[in-house]
All heavy atoms as atom14 arrays in JSON, in Angstrom:
{
  "sequence": "DMLIRTGGEARISNFLLWQAAYSEFYFTETYWPDFDGDALDEA",
  "atom14_mask": [
    [1, 1, 1, 1, 1, 1, 1, 1, 0, 0, 0, 0, 0, 0],
    [1, 1, 1, 1, 1, 1, 1, 1, 0, 0, 0, 0, 0, 0],
    [1, 1, 1, 1, 1, 1, 1, 1, 0, 0, 0, 0, 0, 0],
    [1, 1, 1, 1, 1, 1, 1, 1, 0, 0, 0, 0, 0, 0],
    [1, 1, 1, 1, 1, 1, 1, 1, 1, 1, 1, 0, 0, 0],
    [1, 1, 1, 1, 1, 1, 1, 0, 0, 0, 0, 0, 0, 0],
    [1, 1, 1, 1, 0, 0, 0, 0, 0, 0, 0, 0, 0, 0],
    [1, 1, 1, 1, 0, 0, 0, 0, 0, 0, 0, 0, 0, 0],
    [1, 1, 1, 1, 1, 1, 1, 1, 1, 0, 0, 0, 0, 0],
    [1, 1, 1, 1, 1, 0, 0, 0, 0, 0, 0, 0, 0, 0],
    [1, 1, 1, 1, 1, 1, 1, 1, 1, 1, 1, 0, 0, 0],
    [1, 1, 1, 1, 1, 1, 1, 1, 0, 0, 0, 0, 0, 0],
    [1, 1, 1, 1, 1, 1, 0, 0, 0, 0, 0, 0, 0, 0],
    [1, 1, 1, 1, 1, 1, 1, 1, 0, 0, 0, 0, 0, 0],
    [1, 1, 1, 1, 1, 1, 1, 1, 1, 1, 1, 0, 0, 0],
    [1, 1, 1, 1, 1, 1, 1, 1, 0, 0, 0, 0, 0, 0],
    [1, 1, 1, 1, 1, 1, 1, 1, 0, 0, 0, 0, 0, 0],
    [1, 1, 1, 1, 1, 1, 1, 1, 1, 1, 1, 1, 1, 1],
    [1, 1, 1, 1, 1, 1, 1, 1, 1, 0, 0, 0, 0, 0],
    [1, 1, 1, 1, 1, 0, 0, 0, 0, 0, 0, 0, 0, 0],
    [1, 1, 1, 1, 1, 0, 0, 0, 0, 0, 0, 0, 0, 0],
    [1, 1, 1, 1, 1, 1, 1, 1, 1, 1, 1, 1, 0, 0],
    [1, 1, 1, 1, 1, 1, 0, 0, 0, 0, 0, 0, 0, 0],
    [1, 1, 1, 1, 1, 1, 1, 1, 1, 0, 0, 0, 0, 0],
    [1, 1, 1, 1, 1, 1, 1, 1, 1, 1, 1, 0, 0, 0],
    [1, 1, 1, 1, 1, 1, 1, 1, 1, 1, 1, 1, 0, 0],
    [1, 1, 1, 1, 1, 1, 1, 1, 1, 1, 1, 0, 0, 0],
    [1, 1, 1, 1, 1, 1, 1, 0, 0, 0, 0, 0, 0, 0],
    [1, 1, 1, 1, 1, 1, 1, 1, 1, 0, 0, 0, 0, 0],
    [1, 1, 1, 1, 1, 1, 1, 0, 0, 0, 0, 0, 0, 0],
    [1, 1, 1, 1, 1, 1, 1, 1, 1, 1, 1, 1, 0, 0],
    [1, 1, 1, 1, 1, 1, 1, 1, 1, 1, 1, 1, 1, 1],
    [1, 1, 1, 1, 1, 1, 1, 0, 0, 0, 0, 0, 0, 0],
    [1, 1, 1, 1, 1, 1, 1, 1, 0, 0, 0, 0, 0, 0],
    [1, 1, 1, 1, 1, 1, 1, 1, 1, 1, 1, 0, 0, 0],
    [1, 1, 1, 1, 1, 1, 1, 1, 0, 0, 0, 0, 0, 0],
    [1, 1, 1, 1, 0, 0, 0, 0, 0, 0, 0, 0, 0, 0],
    [1, 1, 1, 1, 1, 1, 1, 1, 0, 0, 0, 0, 0, 0],
    [1, 1, 1, 1, 1, 0, 0, 0, 0, 0, 0, 0, 0, 0],
    [1, 1, 1, 1, 1, 1, 1, 1, 0, 0, 0, 0, 0, 0],
    [1, 1, 1, 1, 1, 1, 1, 1, 0, 0, 0, 0, 0, 0],
    [1, 1, 1, 1, 1, 1, 1, 1, 1, 0, 0, 0, 0, 0],
    [1, 1, 1, 1, 1, 0, 0, 0, 0, 0, 0, 0, 0, 0]
  ],
  "atom14_positions": [
    [[8.36, 0.83, 7.22], [9.16, -0.11, 6.42], [8.48, -0.39, 5.09], [9.15, -0.56, 4.07], [9.35, -1.42, 7.19], [10.06, -1.2, 8.5], [11.23, -0.79, 8.47], [9.44, -1.41, 9.56], [0.0, 0.0, 0.0], [0.0, 0.0, 0.0], [0.0, 0.0, 0.0], [0.0, 0.0, 0.0], [0.0, 0.0, 0.0], [0.0, 0.0, 0.0]],
    [[7.16, -0.46, 5.13], [6.4, -0.78, 3.93], [5.16, 0.1, 3.84], [4.48, 0.34, 4.84], [5.98, -2.25, 3.93], [5.16, -2.65, 2.7], [4.87, -4.44, 2.56], [3.9, -4.74, 4.03], [0.0, 0.0, 0.0], [0.0, 0.0, 0.0], [0.0, 0.0, 0.0], [0.0, 0.0, 0.0], [0.0, 0.0, 0.0], [0.0, 0.0, 0.0]],
    [[4.89, 0.6, 2.63], [3.68, 1.38, 2.38], [2.83, 0.62, 1.37], [3.29, 0.33, 0.25], [4.03, 2.77, 1.86], [2.88, 3.79, 1.78], [3.42, 5.21, 1.89], [2.08, 3.65, 0.47], [0.0, 0.0, 0.0], [0.0, 0.0, 0.0], [0.0, 0.0, 0.0], [0.0, 0.0, 0.0], [0.0, 0.0, 0.0], [0.0, 0.0, 0.0]],
    [[1.61, 0.29, 1.75], [0.68, -0.46, 0.92], [-0.41, 0.49, 0.42], [-0.92, 1.31, 1.18], [0.02, -1.61, 1.71], [1.08, -2.59, 2.22], [-1.03, -2.32, 0.88], [0.52, -3.61, 3.21], [0.0, 0.0, 0.0], [0.0, 0.0, 0.0], [0.0, 0.0, 0.0], [0.0, 0.0, 0.0], [0.0, 0.0, 0.0], [0.0, 0.0, 0.0]],
    [[-0.73, 0.37, -0.87], [-1.92, 1.07, -1.37], [-2.82, 0.05, -2.05], [-2.4, -0.67, -2.95], [-1.57, 2.18, -2.35], [-2.84, 2.88, -2.86], [-2.57, 4.13, -3.65], [-3.84, 4.8, -3.95], [-4.01, 6.1, -4.06], [-2.97, 6.91, -3.89], [-5.19, 6.63, -4.33], [0.0, 0.0, 0.0], [0.0, 0.0, 0.0], [0.0, 0.0, 0.0]],
    [[-4.07, 0.01, -1.62], [-5.05, -0.87, -2.25], [-5.78, -0.11, -3.35], [-5.61, 1.09, -3.52], [-6.07, -1.37, -1.2], [-6.8, -0.24, -0.67], [-5.37, -2.08, -0.05], [0.0, 0.0, 0.0], [0.0, 0.0, 0.0], [0.0, 0.0, 0.0], [0.0, 0.0, 0.0], [0.0, 0.0, 0.0], [0.0, 0.0, 0.0], [0.0, 0.0, 0.0]],
    [[-6.6, -0.82, -4.12], [-7.49, -0.16, -5.06], [-6.95, 0.04, -6.46], [-7.62, 0.63, -7.31], [0.0, 0.0, 0.0], [0.0, 0.0, 0.0], [0.0, 0.0, 0.0], [0.0, 0.0, 0.0], [0.0, 0.0, 0.0], [0.0, 0.0, 0.0], [0.0, 0.0, 0.0], [0.0, 0.0, 0.0], [0.0, 0.0, 0.0], [0.0, 0.0, 0.0]],
    [[-5.72, -0.41, -6.74], [-5.22, -0.37, -8.1], [-4.49, 0.88, -8.52], [-3.94, 0.93, -9.63], [0.0, 0.0, 0.0], [0.0, 0.0, 0.0], [0.0, 0.0, 0.0], [0.0, 0.0, 0.0], [0.0, 0.0, 0.0], [0.0, 0.0, 0.0], [0.0, 0.0, 0.0], [0.0, 0.0, 0.0], [0.0, 0.0, 0.0], [0.0, 0.0, 0.0]],
    [[-4.46, 1.92, -7.69], [-3.71, 3.13, -8.03], [-2.25, 2.97, -7.58], [-1.96, 2.27, -6.62], [-4.33, 4.36, -7.38], [-5.81, 4.56, -7.69], [-6.06, 4.97, -9.13], [-5.08, 5.22, -9.86], [-7.23, 5.01, -9.54], [0.0, 0.0, 0.0], [0.0, 0.0, 0.0], [0.0, 0.0, 0.0], [0.0, 0.0, 0.0], [0.0, 0.0, 0.0]],
    [[-1.35, 3.66, -8.28], [0.08, 3.52, -7.98], [0.69, 4.9, -7.7], [1.56, 5.38, -8.42], [0.82, 2.83, -9.12], [0.0, 0.0, 0.0], [0.0, 0.0, 0.0], [0.0, 0.0, 0.0], [0.0, 0.0, 0.0], [0.0, 0.0, 0.0], [0.0, 0.0, 0.0], [0.0, 0.0, 0.0], [0.0, 0.0, 0.0], [0.0, 0.0, 0.0]],
    [[0.21, 5.54, -6.66], [0.76, 6.82, -6.2], [0.54, 6.9, -4.7], [-0.25, 6.13, -4.14], [0.08, 8.0, -6.91], [-1.44, 8.06, -6.72], [-2.05, 9.25, -7.43], [-3.5, 9.26, -7.26], [-4.37, 8.64, -8.04], [-3.91, 7.93, -9.08], [-5.66, 8.69, -7.81], [0.0, 0.0, 0.0], [0.0, 0.0, 0.0], [0.0, 0.0, 0.0]],
    [[1.21, 7.85, -4.04], [1.09, 7.93, -2.58], [0.24, 9.11, -2.11], [-0.02, 9.25, -0.91], [2.46, 7.95, -1.88], [3.28, 9.17, -2.3], [3.21, 6.66, -2.18], [4.57, 9.29, -1.5], [0.0, 0.0, 0.0], [0.0, 0.0, 0.0], [0.0, 0.0, 0.0], [0.0, 0.0, 0.0], [0.0, 0.0, 0.0], [0.0, 0.0, 0.0]],
    [[-0.23, 9.94, -3.02], [-1.28, 10.92, -2.74], [-1.02, 11.76, -1.49], [-1.87, 11.85, -0.6], [-2.64, 10.21, -2.63], [-2.98, 9.59, -3.86], [0.0, 0.0, 0.0], [0.0, 0.0, 0.0], [0.0, 0.0, 0.0], [0.0, 0.0, 0.0], [0.0, 0.0, 0.0], [0.0, 0.0, 0.0], [0.0, 0.0, 0.0], [0.0, 0.0, 0.0]],
    [[0.17, 12.34, -1.39], [0.47, 13.28, -0.32], [0.45, 12.61, 1.06], [0.14, 13.24, 2.07], [-0.52, 14.45, -0.35], [-0.05, 15.66, 0.44], [1.14, 15.82, 0.73], [-0.98, 16.51, 0.81], [0.0, 0.0, 0.0], [0.0, 0.0, 0.0], [0.0, 0.0, 0.0], [0.0, 0.0, 0.0], [0.0, 0.0, 0.0], [0.0, 0.0, 0.0]],
    [[0.81, 11.35, 1.11], [0.79, 10.58, 2.36], [2.21, 10.32, 2.85], [3.02, 9.73, 2.13], [0.06, 9.25, 2.12], [-0.06, 8.37, 3.33], [-0.48, 8.86, 4.55], [0.22, 7.01, 3.24], [-0.62, 8.04, 5.66], [0.09, 6.18, 4.33], [-0.34, 6.69, 5.54], [0.0, 0.0, 0.0], [0.0, 0.0, 0.0], [0.0, 0.0, 0.0]],
    [[2.54, 10.77, 4.04], [3.83, 10.5, 4.69], [5.0, 10.77, 3.73], [5.9, 9.93, 3.58], [3.87, 9.06, 5.2], [2.81, 8.66, 6.22], [2.98, 7.2, 6.61], [2.85, 9.55, 7.46], [0.0, 0.0, 0.0], [0.0, 0.0, 0.0], [0.0, 0.0, 0.0], [0.0, 0.0, 0.0], [0.0, 0.0, 0.0], [0.0, 0.0, 0.0]],
    [[5.0, 11.93, 3.1], [6.0, 12.23, 2.08], [7.42, 12.16, 2.62], [8.33, 11.65, 1.96], [5.73, 13.62, 1.49], [4.41, 13.79, 0.73], [4.3, 15.21, 0.2], [4.29, 12.78, -0.41], [0.0, 0.0, 0.0], [0.0, 0.0, 0.0], [0.0, 0.0, 0.0], [0.0, 0.0, 0.0], [0.0, 0.0, 0.0], [0.0, 0.0, 0.0]],
    [[7.63, 12.68, 3.81], [8.97, 12.66, 4.42], [9.3, 11.26, 4.92], [10.37, 10.72, 4.67], [9.01, 13.67, 5.56], [10.33, 13.76, 6.29], [10.8, 12.91, 7.25], [11.34, 14.75, 6.11], [12.03, 13.31, 7.7], [12.39, 14.43, 7.01], [11.47, 15.87, 5.29], [13.55, 15.2, 7.11], [12.62, 16.64, 5.39], [13.66, 16.3, 6.3]],
    [[8.36, 10.67, 5.64], [8.61, 9.41, 6.32], [8.76, 8.23, 5.37], [9.39, 7.22, 5.71], [7.48, 9.12, 7.32], [7.32, 10.15, 8.43], [6.37, 11.27, 8.06], [6.17, 11.57, 6.89], [5.79, 11.91, 9.06], [0.0, 0.0, 0.0], [0.0, 0.0, 0.0], [0.0, 0.0, 0.0], [0.0, 0.0, 0.0], [0.0, 0.0, 0.0]],
    [[8.18, 8.32, 4.17], [8.2, 7.2, 3.24], [9.39, 7.23, 2.29], [9.42, 6.5, 1.3], [6.91, 7.18, 2.42], [0.0, 0.0, 0.0], [0.0, 0.0, 0.0], [0.0, 0.0, 0.0], [0.0, 0.0, 0.0], [0.0, 0.0, 0.0], [0.0, 0.0, 0.0], [0.0, 0.0, 0.0], [0.0, 0.0, 0.0], [0.0, 0.0, 0.0]],
    [[10.4, 8.04, 2.61], [11.55, 8.2, 1.7], [12.22, 6.87, 1.37], [12.68, 6.66, 0.24], [12.57, 9.15, 2.33], [0.0, 0.0, 0.0], [0.0, 0.0, 0.0], [0.0, 0.0, 0.0], [0.0, 0.0, 0.0], [0.0, 0.0, 0.0], [0.0, 0.0, 0.0], [0.0, 0.0, 0.0], [0.0, 0.0, 0.0], [0.0, 0.0, 0.0]],
    [[12.27, 5.94, 2.33], [12.9, 4.64, 2.09], [11.94, 3.47, 2.35], [12.38, 2.34, 2.55], [14.17, 4.49, 2.94], [15.38, 5.1, 2.28], [15.81, 6.37, 2.64], [16.08, 4.43, 1.29], [16.92, 6.95, 2.03], [17.18, 4.98, 0.67], [17.6, 6.24, 1.04], [18.68, 6.81, 0.42], [0.0, 0.0, 0.0], [0.0, 0.0, 0.0]],
    [[10.65, 3.75, 2.31], [9.68, 2.67, 2.46], [9.65, 1.81, 1.21], [9.87, 2.29, 0.09], [8.28, 3.25, 2.71], [8.23, 4.02, 3.88], [0.0, 0.0, 0.0], [0.0, 0.0, 0.0], [0.0, 0.0, 0.0], [0.0, 0.0, 0.0], [0.0, 0.0, 0.0], [0.0, 0.0, 0.0], [0.0, 0.0, 0.0], [0.0, 0.0, 0.0]],
    [[9.35, 0.53, 1.4], [9.1, -0.37, 0.27], [7.63, -0.22, -0.11], [6.74, -0.37, 0.73], [9.4, -1.81, 0.66], [10.85, -2.06, 1.04], [11.81, -1.88, -0.14], [11.38, -2.11, -1.28], [12.96, -1.49, 0.1], [0.0, 0.0, 0.0], [0.0, 0.0, 0.0], [0.0, 0.0, 0.0], [0.0, 0.0, 0.0], [0.0, 0.0, 0.0]],
    [[7.35, 0.09, -1.39], [5.98, 0.3, -1.84], [5.38, -1.01, -2.35], [6.06, -1.82, -2.99], [5.93, 1.33, -2.95], [6.23, 2.74, -2.5], [6.26, 3.78, -3.41], [6.51, 3.04, -1.18], [6.54, 5.08, -3.02], [6.8, 4.33, -0.76], [6.81, 5.35, -1.69], [0.0, 0.0, 0.0], [0.0, 0.0, 0.0], [0.0, 0.0, 0.0]],
    [[4.09, -1.18, -2.04], [3.36, -2.36, -2.5], [1.98, -1.9, -2.95], [1.18, -1.41, -2.15], [3.24, -3.39, -1.37], [2.5, -4.65, -1.74], [3.14, -5.72, -2.36], [1.13, -4.78, -1.48], [2.46, -6.88, -2.7], [0.43, -5.94, -1.81], [1.11, -6.98, -2.43], [0.43, -8.14, -2.77], [0.0, 0.0, 0.0], [0.0, 0.0, 0.0]],
    [[1.71, -2.06, -4.26], [0.43, -1.67, -4.82], [-0.35, -2.91, -5.21], [0.2, -3.84, -5.82], [0.63, -0.77, -6.04], [1.41, 0.49, -5.74], [2.7, 0.66, -6.21], [0.84, 1.5, -4.99], [3.41, 1.81, -5.95], [1.54, 2.67, -4.71], [2.82, 2.83, -5.18], [0.0, 0.0, 0.0], [0.0, 0.0, 0.0], [0.0, 0.0, 0.0]],
    [[-1.62, -2.94, -4.86], [-2.46, -4.09, -5.16], [-3.77, -3.63, -5.78], [-4.3, -2.57, -5.45], [-2.75, -4.92, -3.89], [-3.69, -5.96, -4.2], [-3.34, -4.07, -2.78], [0.0, 0.0, 0.0], [0.0, 0.0, 0.0], [0.0, 0.0, 0.0], [0.0, 0.0, 0.0], [0.0, 0.0, 0.0], [0.0, 0.0, 0.0], [0.0, 0.0, 0.0]],
    [[-4.31, -4.46, -6.69], [-5.6, -4.17, -7.33], [-6.76, -4.37, -6.36], [-7.87, -3.87, -6.6], [-5.79, -5.08, -8.55], [-4.77, -4.87, -9.66], [-4.95, -3.54, -10.37], [-6.1, -3.06, -10.45], [-3.94, -2.99, -10.85], [0.0, 0.0, 0.0], [0.0, 0.0, 0.0], [0.0, 0.0, 0.0], [0.0, 0.0, 0.0], [0.0, 0.0, 0.0]],
    [[-6.54, -5.08, -5.29], [-7.61, -5.4, -4.34], [-8.19, -4.12, -3.73], [-7.45, -3.26, -3.24], [-7.07, -6.29, -3.2], [-6.51, -7.48, -3.77], [-8.18, -6.66, -2.23], [0.0, 0.0, 0.0], [0.0, 0.0, 0.0], [0.0, 0.0, 0.0], [0.0, 0.0, 0.0], [0.0, 0.0, 0.0], [0.0, 0.0, 0.0], [0.0, 0.0, 0.0]],
    [[-9.51, -4.0, -3.76], [-10.15, -2.87, -3.1], [-10.06, -3.05, -1.59], [-10.06, -4.17, -1.08], [-11.63, -2.76, -3.52], [-11.84, -2.39, -4.96], [-12.85, -2.99, -5.72], [-11.04, -1.44, -5.59], [-13.06, -2.65, -7.04], [-11.24, -1.09, -6.92], [-12.25, -1.7, -7.64], [-12.44, -1.37, -8.95], [0.0, 0.0, 0.0], [0.0, 0.0, 0.0]],
    [[-10.02, -1.94, -0.86], [-9.82, -2.03, 0.58], [-10.87, -2.91, 1.28], [-10.51, -3.69, 2.17], [-9.8, -0.64, 1.21], [-9.67, -0.68, 2.7], [-10.6, -0.29, 3.63], [-8.56, -1.19, 3.45], [-10.13, -0.52, 4.9], [-8.9, -1.08, 4.82], [-7.33, -1.76, 3.1], [-8.02, -1.49, 5.83], [-6.46, -2.16, 4.1], [-6.81, -2.02, 5.45]],
    [[-12.15, -2.85, 0.94], [-13.11, -3.73, 1.65], [-12.83, -5.21, 1.51], [-13.31, -6.02, 2.31], [-14.46, -3.36, 1.01], [-14.27, -1.96, 0.55], [-12.85, -1.92, 0.04], [0.0, 0.0, 0.0], [0.0, 0.0, 0.0], [0.0, 0.0, 0.0], [0.0, 0.0, 0.0], [0.0, 0.0, 0.0], [0.0, 0.0, 0.0], [0.0, 0.0, 0.0]],
    [[-12.05, -5.61, 0.5], [-11.7, -7.02, 0.3], [-10.33, -7.38, 0.86], [-9.91, -8.54, 0.79], [-11.72, -7.36, -1.2], [-13.13, -7.32, -1.79], [-14.08, -7.65, -1.06], [-13.26, -6.93, -2.97], [0.0, 0.0, 0.0], [0.0, 0.0, 0.0], [0.0, 0.0, 0.0], [0.0, 0.0, 0.0], [0.0, 0.0, 0.0], [0.0, 0.0, 0.0]],
    [[-9.62, -6.4, 1.41], [-8.27, -6.64, 1.92], [-8.37, -7.3, 3.3], [-9.1, -6.84, 4.17], [-7.52, -5.31, 2.04], [-6.03, -5.45, 2.13], [-5.26, -5.57, 0.99], [-5.39, -5.47, 3.36], [-3.87, -5.69, 1.07], [-4.01, -5.59, 3.45], [-3.25, -5.7, 2.31], [0.0, 0.0, 0.0], [0.0, 0.0, 0.0], [0.0, 0.0, 0.0]],
    [[-7.62, -8.4, 3.5], [-7.71, -9.15, 4.74], [-6.33, -9.65, 5.15], [-5.31, -9.23, 4.61], [-8.71, -10.3, 4.61], [-8.36, -11.24, 3.45], [-7.23, -11.18, 2.92], [-9.22, -12.07, 3.07], [0.0, 0.0, 0.0], [0.0, 0.0, 0.0], [0.0, 0.0, 0.0], [0.0, 0.0, 0.0], [0.0, 0.0, 0.0], [0.0, 0.0, 0.0]],
    [[-6.31, -10.56, 6.12], [-5.05, -11.09, 6.61], [-4.23, -11.8, 5.54], [-3.01, -11.67, 5.49], [0.0, 0.0, 0.0], [0.0, 0.0, 0.0], [0.0, 0.0, 0.0], [0.0, 0.0, 0.0], [0.0, 0.0, 0.0], [0.0, 0.0, 0.0], [0.0, 0.0, 0.0], [0.0, 0.0, 0.0], [0.0, 0.0, 0.0], [0.0, 0.0, 0.0]],
    [[-4.9, -12.54, 4.65], [-4.18, -13.22, 3.57], [-3.56, -12.21, 2.62], [-2.43, -12.4, 2.15], [-5.13, -14.15, 2.8], [-5.5, -15.39, 3.61], [-4.77, -15.73, 4.56], [-6.54, -16.01, 3.29], [0.0, 0.0, 0.0], [0.0, 0.0, 0.0], [0.0, 0.0, 0.0], [0.0, 0.0, 0.0], [0.0, 0.0, 0.0], [0.0, 0.0, 0.0]],
    [[-4.29, -11.15, 2.32], [-3.76, -10.1, 1.44], [-2.57, -9.41, 2.1], [-1.59, -9.07, 1.44], [-4.85, -9.09, 1.11], [0.0, 0.0, 0.0], [0.0, 0.0, 0.0], [0.0, 0.0, 0.0], [0.0, 0.0, 0.0], [0.0, 0.0, 0.0], [0.0, 0.0, 0.0], [0.0, 0.0, 0.0], [0.0, 0.0, 0.0], [0.0, 0.0, 0.0]],
    [[-2.67, -9.21, 3.42], [-1.55, -8.62, 4.15], [-0.33, -9.54, 4.09], [0.81, -9.07, 3.92], [-1.94, -8.36, 5.6], [-0.85, -7.73, 6.48], [-0.54, -6.31, 6.03], [-1.26, -7.74, 7.95], [0.0, 0.0, 0.0], [0.0, 0.0, 0.0], [0.0, 0.0, 0.0], [0.0, 0.0, 0.0], [0.0, 0.0, 0.0], [0.0, 0.0, 0.0]],
    [[-0.55, -10.84, 4.23], [0.56, -11.79, 4.16], [1.25, -11.75, 2.8], [2.47, -11.87, 2.7], [0.06, -13.21, 4.44], [-0.24, -13.43, 5.91], [0.23, -12.62, 6.73], [-0.95, -14.4, 6.23], [0.0, 0.0, 0.0], [0.0, 0.0, 0.0], [0.0, 0.0, 0.0], [0.0, 0.0, 0.0], [0.0, 0.0, 0.0], [0.0, 0.0, 0.0]],
    [[0.47, -11.58, 1.73], [1.07, -11.47, 0.4], [1.96, -10.24, 0.31], [3.04, -10.27, -0.28], [-0.03, -11.41, -0.66], [-0.78, -12.71, -0.85], [-1.82, -12.6, -1.96], [-1.77, -11.62, -2.73], [-2.69, -13.49, -2.04], [0.0, 0.0, 0.0], [0.0, 0.0, 0.0], [0.0, 0.0, 0.0], [0.0, 0.0, 0.0], [0.0, 0.0, 0.0]],
    [[1.51, -9.14, 0.91], [2.31, -7.92, 0.9], [3.6, -8.11, 1.7], [4.69, -7.7, 1.26], [1.49, -6.77, 1.47], [0.0, 0.0, 0.0], [0.0, 0.0, 0.0], [0.0, 0.0, 0.0], [0.0, 0.0, 0.0], [0.0, 0.0, 0.0], [0.0, 0.0, 0.0], [0.0, 0.0, 0.0], [0.0, 0.0, 0.0], [0.0, 0.0, 0.0]]
  ]
}
């Protein structure tokens, strides 16, 4: 339903190309080591 990418990049890098056809994309500047439950709630 939703595809999240951390780290500030805005591309899907060959990830789930078929399955993500209708996914909602969410890009965040937060680096993955800093991503937590609150960050997930924002997404």
